[in-house]
Amino acid sequence: MKKKALKILRPQKGLPKDLTKKAVASVAAGKKPAFAALSAKPRDSRIPSVGTIITKKYKGEALEVKVLDNGFEYKGQVFKSISALAVHIVGAPISGYVFFKL
């Protein structure tokens, strides 16, 4: 049985060095590294914090959107992105950031 050579993980821009060292150590120990923390996308700074209610008046109706950890809730329906929600409301392609003035 041929042994595979270990790849040395180099710290990538924006990743903590100690987290990368832990991944290298776990590979050297024969374990699979947990890369879930490495692949998490940073939250867009234009989006308000989780739990915030975004309000907007549109065609005489007051819209209330709750910011969730995994999307946006509007009238009991969860949308993956603010733009998907804006398209649902307007019925035409539009940027959610522009529509909600974020």
C-alpha atoms as a PDB file:
ATOM      1  CA  MET A   1       0.000   0.000   0.000  1.00  0.00           C
ATOM      2  CA  LYS A   2       1.462   3.305  -1.097  1.00  0.00           C
ATOM      3  CA  LYS A   3       1.333   6.198   1.380  1.00  0.00           C
ATOM      4  CA  LYS A   4       0.102   9.526   0.140  1.00  0.00           C
ATOM      5  CA  ALA A   5       2.269  12.553   0.694  1.00  0.00           C
ATOM      6  CA  LEU A   6       0.761  15.123   3.010  1.00  0.00           C
ATOM      7  CA  LYS A   7      -0.008  18.497   1.528  1.00  0.00           C
ATOM      8  CA  ILE A   8       1.136  21.360   3.689  1.00  0.00           C
ATOM      9  CA  LEU A   9      -1.643  23.884   4.078  1.00  0.00           C
ATOM     10  CA  ARG A  10      -0.440  27.441   3.839  1.00  0.00           C
ATOM     11  CA  PRO A  11      -2.361  30.196   5.589  1.00  0.00           C
ATOM     12  CA  GLN A  12      -4.609  31.882   3.081  1.00  0.00           C
ATOM     13  CA  LYS A  13      -5.424  35.536   3.101  1.00  0.00           C
ATOM     14  CA  GLY A  14      -8.055  36.257   5.728  1.00  0.00           C
ATOM     15  CA  LEU A  15      -7.768  32.943   7.568  1.00  0.00           C
ATOM     16  CA  PRO A  16      -6.385  32.769  11.100  1.00  0.00           C
ATOM     17  CA  LYS A  17      -2.946  31.125  11.126  1.00  0.00           C
ATOM     18  CA  ASP A  18      -3.669  29.048  14.240  1.00  0.00           C
ATOM     19  CA  LEU A  19      -6.766  27.531  12.595  1.00  0.00           C
ATOM     20  CA  THR A  20      -4.694  26.463   9.584  1.00  0.00           C
ATOM     21  CA  LYS A  21      -2.021  24.984  11.885  1.00  0.00           C
ATOM     22  CA  LYS A  22      -4.719  22.936  13.647  1.00  0.00           C
ATOM     23  CA  ALA A  23      -5.886  21.583  10.284  1.00  0.00           C
ATOM     24  CA  VAL A  24      -2.303  20.596   9.351  1.00  0.00           C
ATOM     25  CA  ALA A  25      -1.840  18.906  12.742  1.00  0.00           C
ATOM     26  CA  SER A  26      -5.053  16.915  12.363  1.00  0.00           C
ATOM     27  CA  VAL A  27      -4.039  15.732   8.870  1.00  0.00           C
ATOM     28  CA  ALA A  28      -0.605  14.714  10.188  1.00  0.00           C
ATOM     29  CA  ALA A  29      -2.333  12.738  12.945  1.00  0.00           C
ATOM     30  CA  GLY A  30      -4.344  10.868  10.316  1.00  0.00           C
ATOM     31  CA  LYS A  31      -7.632  12.631  11.059  1.00  0.00           C
ATOM     32  CA  LYS A  32      -9.812  14.533   8.654  1.00  0.00           C
ATOM     33  CA  PRO A  33      -9.767  18.264   9.452  1.00  0.00           C
ATOM     34  CA  ALA A  34     -13.019  20.037  10.179  1.00  0.00           C
ATOM     35  CA  PHE A  35     -13.110  22.667   7.459  1.00  0.00           C
ATOM     36  CA  ALA A  36     -16.617  23.922   8.293  1.00  0.00           C
ATOM     37  CA  ALA A  37     -15.163  26.924  10.095  1.00  0.00           C
ATOM     38  CA  LEU A  38     -12.874  27.674   7.153  1.00  0.00           C
ATOM     39  CA  SER A  39     -15.611  27.658   4.524  1.00  0.00           C
ATOM     40  CA  ALA A  40     -18.053  29.957   6.325  1.00  0.00           C
ATOM     41  CA  LYS A  41     -18.715  33.071   4.273  1.00  0.00           C
ATOM     42  CA  PRO A  42     -18.437  36.373   6.075  1.00  0.00           C
ATOM     43  CA  ARG A  43     -21.745  38.184   6.553  1.00  0.00           C
ATOM     44  CA  ASP A  44     -22.373  41.112   4.198  1.00  0.00           C
ATOM     45  CA  SER A  45     -21.857  44.346   6.124  1.00  0.00           C
ATOM     46  CA  ARG A  46     -24.844  45.986   4.371  1.00  0.00           C
ATOM     47  CA  ILE A  47     -27.280  43.582   6.036  1.00  0.00           C
ATOM     48  CA  PRO A  48     -28.468  44.582   9.533  1.00  0.00           C
ATOM     49  CA  SER A  49     -27.831  42.248  12.462  1.00  0.00           C
ATOM     50  CA  VAL A  50     -29.954  39.141  13.052  1.00  0.00           C
ATOM     51  CA  GLY A  51     -33.324  39.927  14.623  1.00  0.00           C
ATOM     52  CA  THR A  52     -33.620  43.397  13.070  1.00  0.00           C
ATOM     53  CA  ILE A  53     -36.949  44.314  11.466  1.00  0.00           C
ATOM     54  CA  ILE A  54     -36.539  46.176   8.162  1.00  0.00           C
ATOM     55  CA  THR A  55     -39.533  48.370   7.345  1.00  0.00           C
ATOM     56  CA  LYS A  56     -40.395  49.882   3.983  1.00  0.00           C
ATOM     57  CA  LYS A  57     -43.465  51.523   2.545  1.00  0.00           C
ATOM     58  CA  TYR A  58     -44.295  50.184  -0.919  1.00  0.00           C
ATOM     59  CA  LYS A  59     -47.444  50.992  -2.910  1.00  0.00           C
ATOM     60  CA  GLY A  60     -49.188  52.241   0.234  1.00  0.00           C
ATOM     61  CA  GLU A  61     -48.411  49.070   2.195  1.00  0.00           C
ATOM     62  CA  ALA A  62     -46.002  48.904   5.142  1.00  0.00           C
ATOM     63  CA  LEU A  63     -43.618  45.993   4.594  1.00  0.00           C
ATOM     64  CA  GLU A  64     -41.894  44.345   7.556  1.00  0.00           C
ATOM     65  CA  VAL A  65     -38.983  41.984   6.969  1.00  0.00           C
ATOM     66  CA  LYS A  66     -37.206  40.165   9.782  1.00  0.00           C
ATOM     67  CA  VAL A  67     -33.499  39.468   9.350  1.00  0.00           C
ATOM     68  CA  LEU A  68     -32.715  35.829  10.175  1.00  0.00           C
ATOM     69  CA  ASP A  69     -29.401  34.030  10.508  1.00  0.00           C
ATOM     70  CA  ASN A  70     -30.093  32.059   7.328  1.00  0.00           C
ATOM     71  CA  GLY A  71     -32.198  34.530   5.337  1.00  0.00           C
ATOM     72  CA  PHE A  72     -35.122  36.935   5.567  1.00  0.00           C
ATOM     73  CA  GLU A  73     -38.680  36.338   6.759  1.00  0.00           C
ATOM     74  CA  TYR A  74     -41.597  38.133   5.109  1.00  0.00           C
ATOM     75  CA  LYS A  75     -45.223  37.224   5.884  1.00  0.00           C
ATOM     76  CA  GLY A  76     -44.161  33.853   7.308  1.00  0.00           C
ATOM     77  CA  GLN A  77     -42.107  32.919   4.239  1.00  0.00           C
ATOM     78  CA  VAL A  78     -38.307  32.658   4.419  1.00  0.00           C
ATOM     79  CA  PHE A  79     -36.164  33.934   1.543  1.00  0.00           C
ATOM     80  CA  LYS A  80     -32.514  33.013   1.078  1.00  0.00           C
ATOM     81  CA  SER A  81     -31.440  36.491  -0.029  1.00  0.00           C
ATOM     82  CA  ILE A  82     -32.672  40.063   0.259  1.00  0.00           C
ATOM     83  CA  SER A  83     -32.751  40.287  -3.546  1.00  0.00           C
ATOM     84  CA  ALA A  84     -34.964  37.185  -3.854  1.00  0.00           C
ATOM     85  CA  LEU A  85     -37.368  38.829  -1.429  1.00  0.00           C
ATOM     86  CA  ALA A  86     -37.341  42.126  -3.372  1.00  0.00           C
ATOM     87  CA  VAL A  87     -38.048  40.295  -6.647  1.00  0.00           C
ATOM     88  CA  HIS A  88     -40.960  38.487  -4.930  1.00  0.00           C
ATOM     89  CA  ILE A  89     -42.451  41.792  -3.727  1.00  0.00           C
ATOM     90  CA  VAL A  90     -41.906  43.841  -6.899  1.00  0.00           C
ATOM     91  CA  GLY A  91     -42.463  41.059  -9.432  1.00  0.00           C
ATOM     92  CA  ALA A  92     -39.498  42.154 -11.545  1.00  0.00           C
ATOM     93  CA  PRO A  93     -35.714  41.846 -11.291  1.00  0.00           C
ATOM     94  CA  ILE A  94     -34.384  44.346  -8.740  1.00  0.00           C
ATOM     95  CA  SER A  95     -31.519  44.520  -6.293  1.00  0.00           C
ATOM     96  CA  GLY A  96     -32.684  43.930  -2.732  1.00  0.00           C
ATOM     97  CA  TYR A  97     -30.055  46.327  -1.426  1.00  0.00           C
ATOM     98  CA  VAL A  98     -31.398  49.082  -3.695  1.00  0.00           C
ATOM     99  CA  PHE A  99     -35.063  48.289  -2.965  1.00  0.00           C
ATOM    100  CA  PHE A 100     -34.615  48.322   0.820  1.00  0.00           C
ATOM    101  CA  LYS A 101     -31.980  51.119   0.659  1.00  0.00           C
ATOM    102  CA  LEU A 102     -29.334  49.118   2.514  1.00  0.00           C
END
